Structures are given as structure tokens and as C-alpha cells.
Amino acid sequence: METLTNRTVGEIAAEVPAAIGIFERYQIDYCCGGRTPLSDACAAAGITLDDFRSALDATSAAPEGGLDWTQRTLTELHTYLVSRYHVHAREELDTISRLAAKVLSVHGTRHQELASVSGLVAALIDDMLPHMLKEEKVLFPHVEQLETSDETPASCFGSLENPVRVMLMEHESVGELLRALRTTTAGFVPPDDACFSYRELYNRLAAFEKETHEHIHLENNVYFPKALALECGGA
């Protein structure tokens, strides 16, 4: 970490998982915006590189139970992505969708932003469910074959760069929806008259945002670069 000014936020998040908590604290986009130099990201967030270094020094080298995924196989990583993030995302989106509809039906007349919240949640479902299915049925199996077989697997998409480009674009779309949700909910802060369900909805949305940032980061900044390098014979 001696040359922080020359590193991107995505590289730092991949190499030092403890930095993810700092990025979340200062709302620095380390997933879809992973190619941003740290110096630029800190300036946009209103902090200095020294502030970031101090915060990083105060954390552990990695979260409890954390793994250095840059040193694991792609098969191990995609297995983790599916079991840790895909399965939970499907379950949580279903719960959040039902909760958003319930809260809208009760509080929608007094809090008109809830209609937007419900619509954004529906848009997340429309984007994320097909996206994860494409990864599980097409991209991940292809990369696993690349990694475990001596023969180059056939594909319907040509170079791996093509589906990766699509995945990156779809991740950006999800990132935009999450930013819109944060704005619409004033940072996931419920109003004073919010009931338990209202507060639970906002708590779940905040947790889902953080988890999805981690999910996209692992794919954008670790899995995709390693997969592309493997196809080119560099991994």
C-alpha cells in the first residue's frame, strides 16, 4: 500500500478487503467505479489520502473469516459467488419486494416516495435475476471449463470479452438503481412516523446495497480480470 496514489479503488478493495468498509463509510464506489484512482475517489468523497491511510491503519488486514480471492481459483470464486450472493440476493429481493408493497399500501398516501421505492425494487428484480441466471448457466460453466480442461471450450459468444462487457454494463445498471434507492430514501433513513415494517424495509435495503456492492466488486475487480487473463493464457 506504499503507492496508494497510483492504485484504483477496485485494486485496493481486491487486495485489502478491510478497505471495503472504509469505501462504504465514505460512499466511494469501489464496484462499478472500481477503475477510479484512489486519489480521485477520495477527493470526490471530501477526504484526503492521509484520512484514508489513517482509517485503513485502524482496521484489521481483512474482515473476520475473509479470504484473499485473488489467490483462489476461478471455480472456487464462482462457487462462492453463487452460494454467498446469488442465493441470498434472490431470497432477499423477494422479501424486500413483498415488504415494499406492504409498506406502500399502508403509508403510500403520506409518503409518496414509497411508490418510487417499490418501482426501483421491481427494476432491481428485473435486472438482477436474469443477470445471475446468465452467469450461472453460461459464463461460470464456460470459465470453469477454461480453467479445468486442456481443450478450449466451444461457445456461442466468441471471446470471453463479449459476455464480460455485457455483465459490466448490467452491473452499472444495478449500481444506478441502488444509487437511486439511496437518494429516494434519503440514505435509507425512515421518517419519524415509520412503523416496524417501514423501518425493516429501509434496514434491509441498506444491507442489500452493501452486500450487492461486495458482490459486484468481486466479479468486476477479481473474477472478470482473472477469467480474461486465463483465456489469454496469462493465468
C-alpha atoms as a PDB file:
ATOM      1  CA  MET A   1       0.000   0.000   0.000  1.00  0.00           C
ATOM      2  CA  GLU A   2       3.013   2.303  -0.388  1.00  0.00           C
ATOM      3  CA  THR A   3       1.829   3.761  -3.697  1.00  0.00           C
ATOM      4  CA  LEU A   4      -1.834   4.440  -2.936  1.00  0.00           C
ATOM      5  CA  THR A   5      -1.931   7.372  -5.324  1.00  0.00           C
ATOM      6  CA  ASN A   6      -1.228   5.031  -8.244  1.00  0.00           C
ATOM      7  CA  ARG A   7      -3.858   2.435  -7.364  1.00  0.00           C
ATOM      8  CA  THR A   8      -7.506   2.204  -8.299  1.00  0.00           C
ATOM      9  CA  VAL A   9     -10.192   1.674  -5.673  1.00  0.00           C
ATOM     10  CA  GLY A  10     -11.038  -1.699  -7.238  1.00  0.00           C
ATOM     11  CA  GLU A  11      -7.450  -2.913  -6.939  1.00  0.00           C
ATOM     12  CA  ILE A  12      -7.274  -1.827  -3.321  1.00  0.00           C
ATOM     13  CA  ALA A  13     -10.603  -3.471  -2.462  1.00  0.00           C
ATOM     14  CA  ALA A  14      -9.418  -6.731  -4.058  1.00  0.00           C
ATOM     15  CA  GLU A  15      -6.039  -6.761  -2.323  1.00  0.00           C
ATOM     16  CA  VAL A  16      -7.069  -5.328   1.066  1.00  0.00           C
ATOM     17  CA  PRO A  17     -10.638  -6.404   1.881  1.00  0.00           C
ATOM     18  CA  ALA A  18     -10.623  -4.264   5.026  1.00  0.00           C
ATOM     19  CA  ALA A  19     -10.713  -1.215   2.739  1.00  0.00           C
ATOM     20  CA  ILE A  20     -14.253  -2.113   1.673  1.00  0.00           C
ATOM     21  CA  GLY A  21     -15.670  -0.896   4.977  1.00  0.00           C
ATOM     22  CA  ILE A  22     -13.924   2.424   4.509  1.00  0.00           C
ATOM     23  CA  PHE A  23     -15.236   2.777   0.971  1.00  0.00           C
ATOM     24  CA  GLU A  24     -18.751   2.075   2.217  1.00  0.00           C
ATOM     25  CA  ARG A  25     -18.369   4.604   5.033  1.00  0.00           C
ATOM     26  CA  TYR A  26     -17.436   7.391   2.637  1.00  0.00           C
ATOM     27  CA  GLN A  27     -19.756   6.229  -0.170  1.00  0.00           C
ATOM     28  CA  ILE A  28     -16.844   5.571  -2.548  1.00  0.00           C
ATOM     29  CA  ASP A  29     -17.916   3.363  -5.451  1.00  0.00           C
ATOM     30  CA  TYR A  30     -15.395   0.500  -5.469  1.00  0.00           C
ATOM     31  CA  CYS A  31     -17.502  -1.911  -7.563  1.00  0.00           C
ATOM     32  CA  CYS A  32     -18.822  -0.309 -10.761  1.00  0.00           C
ATOM     33  CA  GLY A  33     -16.413   2.578 -10.221  1.00  0.00           C
ATOM     34  CA  GLY A  34     -13.512   0.273  -9.461  1.00  0.00           C
ATOM     35  CA  ARG A  35     -11.244   1.790 -12.119  1.00  0.00           C
ATOM     36  CA  THR A  36     -11.230   5.190 -10.429  1.00  0.00           C
ATOM     37  CA  PRO A  37      -7.822   6.187  -8.978  1.00  0.00           C
ATOM     38  CA  LEU A  38      -7.949   6.314  -5.196  1.00  0.00           C
ATOM     39  CA  SER A  39      -6.770   9.921  -5.157  1.00  0.00           C
ATOM     40  CA  ASP A  40      -9.698  10.988  -7.365  1.00  0.00           C
ATOM     41  CA  ALA A  41     -12.200   8.933  -5.357  1.00  0.00           C
ATOM     42  CA  CYS A  42     -11.026  10.414  -2.060  1.00  0.00           C
ATOM     43  CA  ALA A  43     -11.188  13.949  -3.457  1.00  0.00           C
ATOM     44  CA  ALA A  44     -14.768  13.359  -4.647  1.00  0.00           C
ATOM     45  CA  ALA A  45     -15.697  11.991  -1.207  1.00  0.00           C
ATOM     46  CA  GLY A  46     -14.213  15.003   0.573  1.00  0.00           C
ATOM     47  CA  ILE A  47     -11.369  13.171   2.307  1.00  0.00           C
ATOM     48  CA  THR A  48      -7.599  13.158   1.864  1.00  0.00           C
ATOM     49  CA  LEU A  49      -5.334  10.223   1.139  1.00  0.00           C
ATOM     50  CA  ASP A  50      -3.960  10.655   4.667  1.00  0.00           C
ATOM     51  CA  ASP A  51      -7.519  10.294   6.001  1.00  0.00           C
ATOM     52  CA  PHE A  52      -7.868   7.070   4.056  1.00  0.00           C
ATOM     53  CA  ARG A  53      -4.486   5.747   5.246  1.00  0.00           C
ATOM     54  CA  SER A  54      -5.393   6.518   8.861  1.00  0.00           C
ATOM     55  CA  ALA A  55      -8.738   4.750   8.537  1.00  0.00           C
ATOM     56  CA  LEU A  56      -7.070   1.756   6.913  1.00  0.00           C
ATOM     57  CA  ASP A  57      -4.400   1.570   9.623  1.00  0.00           C
ATOM     58  CA  ALA A  58      -7.179   1.427  12.210  1.00  0.00           C
ATOM     59  CA  THR A  59      -8.746  -1.667  10.643  1.00  0.00           C
ATOM     60  CA  SER A  60      -7.625  -5.274  10.541  1.00  0.00           C
ATOM     61  CA  ALA A  61      -5.921  -6.608   7.423  1.00  0.00           C
ATOM     62  CA  ALA A  62      -9.072  -8.477   6.440  1.00  0.00           C
ATOM     63  CA  PRO A  63     -12.607  -8.994   7.750  1.00  0.00           C
ATOM     64  CA  GLU A  64     -13.171 -11.950  10.053  1.00  0.00           C
ATOM     65  CA  GLY A  65     -13.158 -15.109   8.005  1.00  0.00           C
ATOM     66  CA  GLY A  66     -12.108 -13.141   4.928  1.00  0.00           C
ATOM     67  CA  LEU A  67     -10.281 -14.831   2.084  1.00  0.00           C
ATOM     68  CA  ASP A  68      -7.865 -13.421  -0.448  1.00  0.00           C
ATOM     69  CA  TRP A  69      -9.856 -14.245  -3.559  1.00  0.00           C
ATOM     70  CA  THR A  70      -7.079 -13.035  -5.837  1.00  0.00           C
ATOM     71  CA  GLN A  71      -5.203 -16.212  -4.826  1.00  0.00           C
ATOM     72  CA  ARG A  72      -8.117 -18.653  -5.231  1.00  0.00           C
ATOM     73  CA  THR A  73      -9.219 -20.479  -8.349  1.00  0.00           C
ATOM     74  CA  LEU A  74     -11.986 -19.081 -10.506  1.00  0.00           C
ATOM     75  CA  THR A  75     -14.062 -22.189  -9.826  1.00  0.00           C
ATOM     76  CA  GLU A  76     -13.768 -21.612  -6.080  1.00  0.00           C
ATOM     77  CA  LEU A  77     -14.702 -17.968  -6.540  1.00  0.00           C
ATOM     78  CA  HIS A  78     -17.776 -18.548  -8.700  1.00  0.00           C
ATOM     79  CA  THR A  79     -18.962 -21.256  -6.316  1.00  0.00           C
ATOM     80  CA  TYR A  80     -18.686 -18.726  -3.513  1.00  0.00           C
ATOM     81  CA  LEU A  81     -20.418 -16.008  -5.562  1.00  0.00           C
ATOM     82  CA  VAL A  82     -23.396 -18.253  -6.197  1.00  0.00           C
ATOM     83  CA  SER A  83     -23.719 -19.694  -2.687  1.00  0.00           C
ATOM     84  CA  ARG A  84     -22.977 -16.465  -0.823  1.00  0.00           C
ATOM     85  CA  TYR A  85     -24.511 -13.774  -3.027  1.00  0.00           C
ATOM     86  CA  HIS A  86     -26.776 -15.195  -5.740  1.00  0.00           C
ATOM     87  CA  VAL A  87     -28.844 -17.385  -3.445  1.00  0.00           C
ATOM     88  CA  HIS A  88     -29.236 -14.672  -0.837  1.00  0.00           C
ATOM     89  CA  ALA A  89     -29.975 -11.970  -3.415  1.00  0.00           C
ATOM     90  CA  ARG A  90     -32.906 -13.980  -4.789  1.00  0.00           C
ATOM     91  CA  GLU A  91     -34.290 -14.588  -1.306  1.00  0.00           C
ATOM     92  CA  GLU A  92     -33.768 -11.021  -0.144  1.00  0.00           C
ATOM     93  CA  LEU A  93     -35.221  -9.409  -3.262  1.00  0.00           C
ATOM     94  CA  ASP A  94     -38.374 -11.468  -2.804  1.00  0.00           C
ATOM     95  CA  THR A  95     -38.640 -10.403   0.854  1.00  0.00           C
ATOM     96  CA  ILE A  96     -37.901  -6.756   0.085  1.00  0.00           C
ATOM     97  CA  SER A  97     -40.421  -6.705  -2.760  1.00  0.00           C
ATOM     98  CA  ARG A  98     -43.201  -8.019  -0.531  1.00  0.00           C
ATOM     99  CA  LEU A  99     -42.231  -5.640   2.259  1.00  0.00           C
ATOM    100  CA  ALA A 100     -42.130  -2.644  -0.112  1.00  0.00           C
ATOM    101  CA  ALA A 101     -45.618  -3.450  -1.393  1.00  0.00           C
ATOM    102  CA  LYS A 102     -46.953  -3.783   2.161  1.00  0.00           C
ATOM    103  CA  VAL A 103     -45.411  -0.501   3.331  1.00  0.00           C
ATOM    104  CA  LEU A 104     -46.630   1.295   0.206  1.00  0.00           C
ATOM    105  CA  SER A 105     -50.194   0.102   0.787  1.00  0.00           C
ATOM    106  CA  VAL A 106     -50.197   1.424   4.358  1.00  0.00           C
ATOM    107  CA  HIS A 107     -48.060   4.564   4.150  1.00  0.00           C
ATOM    108  CA  GLY A 108     -48.117   5.470   0.462  1.00  0.00           C
ATOM    109  CA  THR A 109     -50.601   8.344   0.771  1.00  0.00           C
ATOM    110  CA  ARG A 110     -48.449  10.120   3.367  1.00  0.00           C
ATOM    111  CA  HIS A 111     -45.057   9.202   1.886  1.00  0.00           C
ATOM    112  CA  GLN A 112     -45.257   9.354  -1.879  1.00  0.00           C
ATOM    113  CA  GLU A 113     -41.607   8.365  -2.299  1.00  0.00           C
ATOM    114  CA  LEU A 114     -42.640   4.805  -1.403  1.00  0.00           C
ATOM    115  CA  ALA A 115     -44.121   4.347  -4.881  1.00  0.00           C
ATOM    116  CA  SER A 116     -40.673   5.105  -6.317  1.00  0.00           C
ATOM    117  CA  VAL A 117     -39.046   2.733  -3.832  1.00  0.00           C
ATOM    118  CA  SER A 118     -41.382  -0.077  -4.878  1.00  0.00           C
ATOM    119  CA  GLY A 119     -40.731   0.629  -8.556  1.00  0.00           C
ATOM    120  CA  LEU A 120     -36.958   0.664  -8.080  1.00  0.00           C
ATOM    121  CA  VAL A 121     -37.092  -2.647  -6.220  1.00  0.00           C
ATOM    122  CA  ALA A 122     -39.089  -4.141  -9.101  1.00  0.00           C
ATOM    123  CA  ALA A 123     -36.468  -2.826 -11.533  1.00  0.00           C
ATOM    124  CA  LEU A 124     -33.701  -4.433  -9.468  1.00  0.00           C
ATOM    125  CA  ILE A 125     -35.502  -7.765  -9.683  1.00  0.00           C
ATOM    126  CA  ASP A 126     -35.930  -7.413 -13.447  1.00  0.00           C
ATOM    127  CA  ASP A 127     -32.213  -6.663 -13.835  1.00  0.00           C
ATOM    128  CA  MET A 128     -30.593  -8.978 -11.308  1.00  0.00           C
ATOM    129  CA  LEU A 129     -32.491 -12.250 -11.664  1.00  0.00           C
ATOM    130  CA  PRO A 130     -31.821 -12.771 -15.404  1.00  0.00           C
ATOM    131  CA  HIS A 131     -28.274 -11.478 -14.959  1.00  0.00           C
ATOM    132  CA  MET A 132     -27.419 -14.015 -12.261  1.00  0.00           C
ATOM    133  CA  LEU A 133     -29.021 -16.808 -14.255  1.00  0.00           C
ATOM    134  CA  LYS A 134     -26.847 -15.987 -17.291  1.00  0.00           C
ATOM    135  CA  GLU A 135     -23.764 -16.124 -15.115  1.00  0.00           C
ATOM    136  CA  GLU A 136     -24.736 -19.451 -13.569  1.00  0.00           C
ATOM    137  CA  LYS A 137     -25.844 -21.154 -16.797  1.00  0.00           C
ATOM    138  CA  VAL A 138     -23.416 -19.706 -19.339  1.00  0.00           C
ATOM    139  CA  LEU A 139     -20.488 -17.630 -18.084  1.00  0.00           C
ATOM    140  CA  PHE A 140     -19.380 -19.523 -14.985  1.00  0.00           C
ATOM    141  CA  PRO A 141     -19.536 -23.013 -16.596  1.00  0.00           C
ATOM    142  CA  HIS A 142     -17.542 -21.729 -19.597  1.00  0.00           C
ATOM    143  CA  VAL A 143     -14.835 -20.250 -17.387  1.00  0.00           C
ATOM    144  CA  GLU A 144     -14.703 -23.413 -15.284  1.00  0.00           C
ATOM    145  CA  GLN A 145     -14.065 -25.416 -18.458  1.00  0.00           C
ATOM    146  CA  LEU A 146     -11.309 -22.998 -19.414  1.00  0.00           C
ATOM    147  CA  GLU A 147      -9.720 -23.480 -16.022  1.00  0.00           C
ATOM    148  CA  THR A 148     -10.066 -27.251 -15.673  1.00  0.00           C
ATOM    149  CA  SER A 149      -9.801 -28.592 -19.239  1.00  0.00           C
ATOM    150  CA  ASP A 150      -6.874 -28.806 -21.622  1.00  0.00           C
ATOM    151  CA  GLU A 151      -9.240 -28.129 -24.510  1.00  0.00           C
ATOM    152  CA  THR A 152     -10.710 -24.724 -25.319  1.00  0.00           C
ATOM    153  CA  PRO A 153     -14.482 -24.984 -24.773  1.00  0.00           C
ATOM    154  CA  ALA A 154     -16.834 -24.029 -27.577  1.00  0.00           C
ATOM    155  CA  SER A 155     -19.036 -21.006 -27.022  1.00  0.00           C
ATOM    156  CA  CYS A 156     -21.845 -19.112 -28.702  1.00  0.00           C
ATOM    157  CA  PHE A 157     -20.351 -15.733 -27.809  1.00  0.00           C
ATOM    158  CA  GLY A 158     -16.838 -15.813 -29.244  1.00  0.00           C
ATOM    159  CA  SER A 159     -14.281 -14.181 -26.980  1.00  0.00           C
ATOM    160  CA  LEU A 160     -14.972 -14.032 -23.262  1.00  0.00           C
ATOM    161  CA  GLU A 161     -14.656 -10.267 -23.586  1.00  0.00           C
ATOM    162  CA  ASN A 162     -18.141 -10.167 -25.126  1.00  0.00           C
ATOM    163  CA  PRO A 163     -20.197 -11.581 -22.217  1.00  0.00           C
ATOM    164  CA  VAL A 164     -17.970  -9.800 -19.694  1.00  0.00           C
ATOM    165  CA  ARG A 165     -18.710  -6.494 -21.417  1.00  0.00           C
ATOM    166  CA  VAL A 166     -22.442  -7.219 -21.096  1.00  0.00           C
ATOM    167  CA  MET A 167     -22.084  -8.218 -17.436  1.00  0.00           C
ATOM    168  CA  LEU A 168     -20.227  -4.979 -16.682  1.00  0.00           C
ATOM    169  CA  MET A 169     -22.956  -2.917 -18.341  1.00  0.00           C
ATOM    170  CA  GLU A 170     -25.629  -4.751 -16.366  1.00  0.00           C
ATOM    171  CA  HIS A 171     -23.697  -4.202 -13.144  1.00  0.00           C
ATOM    172  CA  GLU A 172     -23.638  -0.488 -13.901  1.00  0.00           C
ATOM    173  CA  SER A 173     -27.409  -0.551 -14.342  1.00  0.00           C
ATOM    174  CA  VAL A 174     -27.797  -2.194 -10.928  1.00  0.00           C
ATOM    175  CA  GLY A 175     -25.455   0.377  -9.439  1.00  0.00           C
ATOM    176  CA  GLU A 176     -27.600   3.187 -10.822  1.00  0.00           C
ATOM    177  CA  LEU A 177     -30.731   1.642  -9.315  1.00  0.00           C
ATOM    178  CA  LEU A 178     -29.042   1.332  -5.924  1.00  0.00           C
ATOM    179  CA  ARG A 179     -27.948   4.965  -6.077  1.00  0.00           C
ATOM    180  CA  ALA A 180     -31.498   5.969  -6.947  1.00  0.00           C
ATOM    181  CA  LEU A 181     -32.806   3.993  -3.967  1.00  0.00           C
ATOM    182  CA  ARG A 182     -30.333   5.681  -1.631  1.00  0.00           C
ATOM    183  CA  THR A 183     -31.387   9.100  -2.927  1.00  0.00           C
ATOM    184  CA  THR A 184     -35.115   8.351  -2.802  1.00  0.00           C
ATOM    185  CA  THR A 185     -34.917   7.074   0.778  1.00  0.00           C
ATOM    186  CA  ALA A 186     -32.624   9.896   1.981  1.00  0.00           C
ATOM    187  CA  GLY A 187     -29.878   7.420   2.732  1.00  0.00           C
ATOM    188  CA  PHE A 188     -32.248   4.692   3.950  1.00  0.00           C
ATOM    189  CA  VAL A 189     -33.362   6.836   6.882  1.00  0.00           C
ATOM    190  CA  PRO A 190     -37.044   6.174   7.709  1.00  0.00           C
ATOM    191  CA  PRO A 191     -39.337   9.057   8.726  1.00  0.00           C
ATOM    192  CA  ASP A 192     -40.288   9.613  12.344  1.00  0.00           C
ATOM    193  CA  ASP A 193     -43.734   8.070  11.883  1.00  0.00           C
ATOM    194  CA  ALA A 194     -42.385   4.866  10.315  1.00  0.00           C
ATOM    195  CA  CYS A 195     -43.767   1.615  11.681  1.00  0.00           C
ATOM    196  CA  PHE A 196     -41.710  -1.531  12.282  1.00  0.00           C
ATOM    197  CA  SER A 197     -42.239  -2.795   8.712  1.00  0.00           C
ATOM    198  CA  TYR A 198     -41.245   0.582   7.268  1.00  0.00           C
ATOM    199  CA  ARG A 199     -38.012   0.593   9.275  1.00  0.00           C
ATOM    200  CA  GLU A 200     -37.335  -3.039   8.434  1.00  0.00           C
ATOM    201  CA  LEU A 201     -37.695  -2.247   4.718  1.00  0.00           C
ATOM    202  CA  TYR A 202     -35.113   0.527   4.907  1.00  0.00           C
ATOM    203  CA  ASN A 203     -32.757  -1.582   7.039  1.00  0.00           C
ATOM    204  CA  ARG A 204     -32.946  -4.401   4.521  1.00  0.00           C
ATOM    205  CA  LEU A 205     -32.398  -2.035   1.606  1.00  0.00           C
ATOM    206  CA  ALA A 206     -29.284  -0.623   3.269  1.00  0.00           C
ATOM    207  CA  ALA A 207     -27.918  -4.117   3.946  1.00  0.00           C
ATOM    208  CA  PHE A 208     -28.757  -5.228   0.409  1.00  0.00           C
ATOM    209  CA  GLU A 209     -26.924  -2.223  -1.046  1.00  0.00           C
ATOM    210  CA  LYS A 210     -23.746  -3.071   0.886  1.00  0.00           C
ATOM    211  CA  GLU A 211     -23.926  -6.765   0.005  1.00  0.00           C
ATOM    212  CA  THR A 212     -24.520  -6.033  -3.684  1.00  0.00           C
ATOM    213  CA  HIS A 213     -21.540  -3.668  -3.732  1.00  0.00           C
ATOM    214  CA  GLU A 214     -19.370  -6.512  -2.384  1.00  0.00           C
ATOM    215  CA  HIS A 215     -20.894  -8.939  -4.892  1.00  0.00           C
ATOM    216  CA  ILE A 216     -20.254  -6.694  -7.902  1.00  0.00           C
ATOM    217  CA  HIS A 217     -16.771  -5.830  -6.654  1.00  0.00           C
ATOM    218  CA  LEU A 218     -15.713  -9.483  -6.543  1.00  0.00           C
ATOM    219  CA  GLU A 219     -16.927 -10.006 -10.088  1.00  0.00           C
ATOM    220  CA  ASN A 220     -15.727  -6.732 -11.646  1.00  0.00           C
ATOM    221  CA  ASN A 221     -12.371  -6.447  -9.900  1.00  0.00           C
ATOM    222  CA  VAL A 222     -11.382 -10.077  -9.309  1.00  0.00           C
ATOM    223  CA  TYR A 223     -13.360 -12.675 -11.266  1.00  0.00           C
ATOM    224  CA  PHE A 224     -13.636 -10.971 -14.656  1.00  0.00           C
ATOM    225  CA  PRO A 225      -9.982  -9.840 -14.885  1.00  0.00           C
ATOM    226  CA  LYS A 226      -8.741 -13.301 -13.861  1.00  0.00           C
ATOM    227  CA  ALA A 227     -11.085 -15.000 -16.342  1.00  0.00           C
ATOM    228  CA  LEU A 228      -9.959 -12.753 -19.204  1.00  0.00           C
ATOM    229  CA  ALA A 229      -6.323 -13.372 -18.317  1.00  0.00           C
ATOM    230  CA  LEU A 230      -6.978 -17.116 -18.273  1.00  0.00           C
ATOM    231  CA  GLU A 231      -8.482 -17.008 -21.772  1.00  0.00           C
ATOM    232  CA  CYS A 232      -5.374 -15.169 -22.982  1.00  0.00           C
ATOM    233  CA  GLY A 233      -3.124 -17.757 -21.346  1.00  0.00           C
ATOM    234  CA  GLY A 234      -1.998 -15.434 -18.576  1.00  0.00           C
ATOM    235  CA  ALA A 235      -3.496 -17.197 -15.581  1.00  0.00           C
END
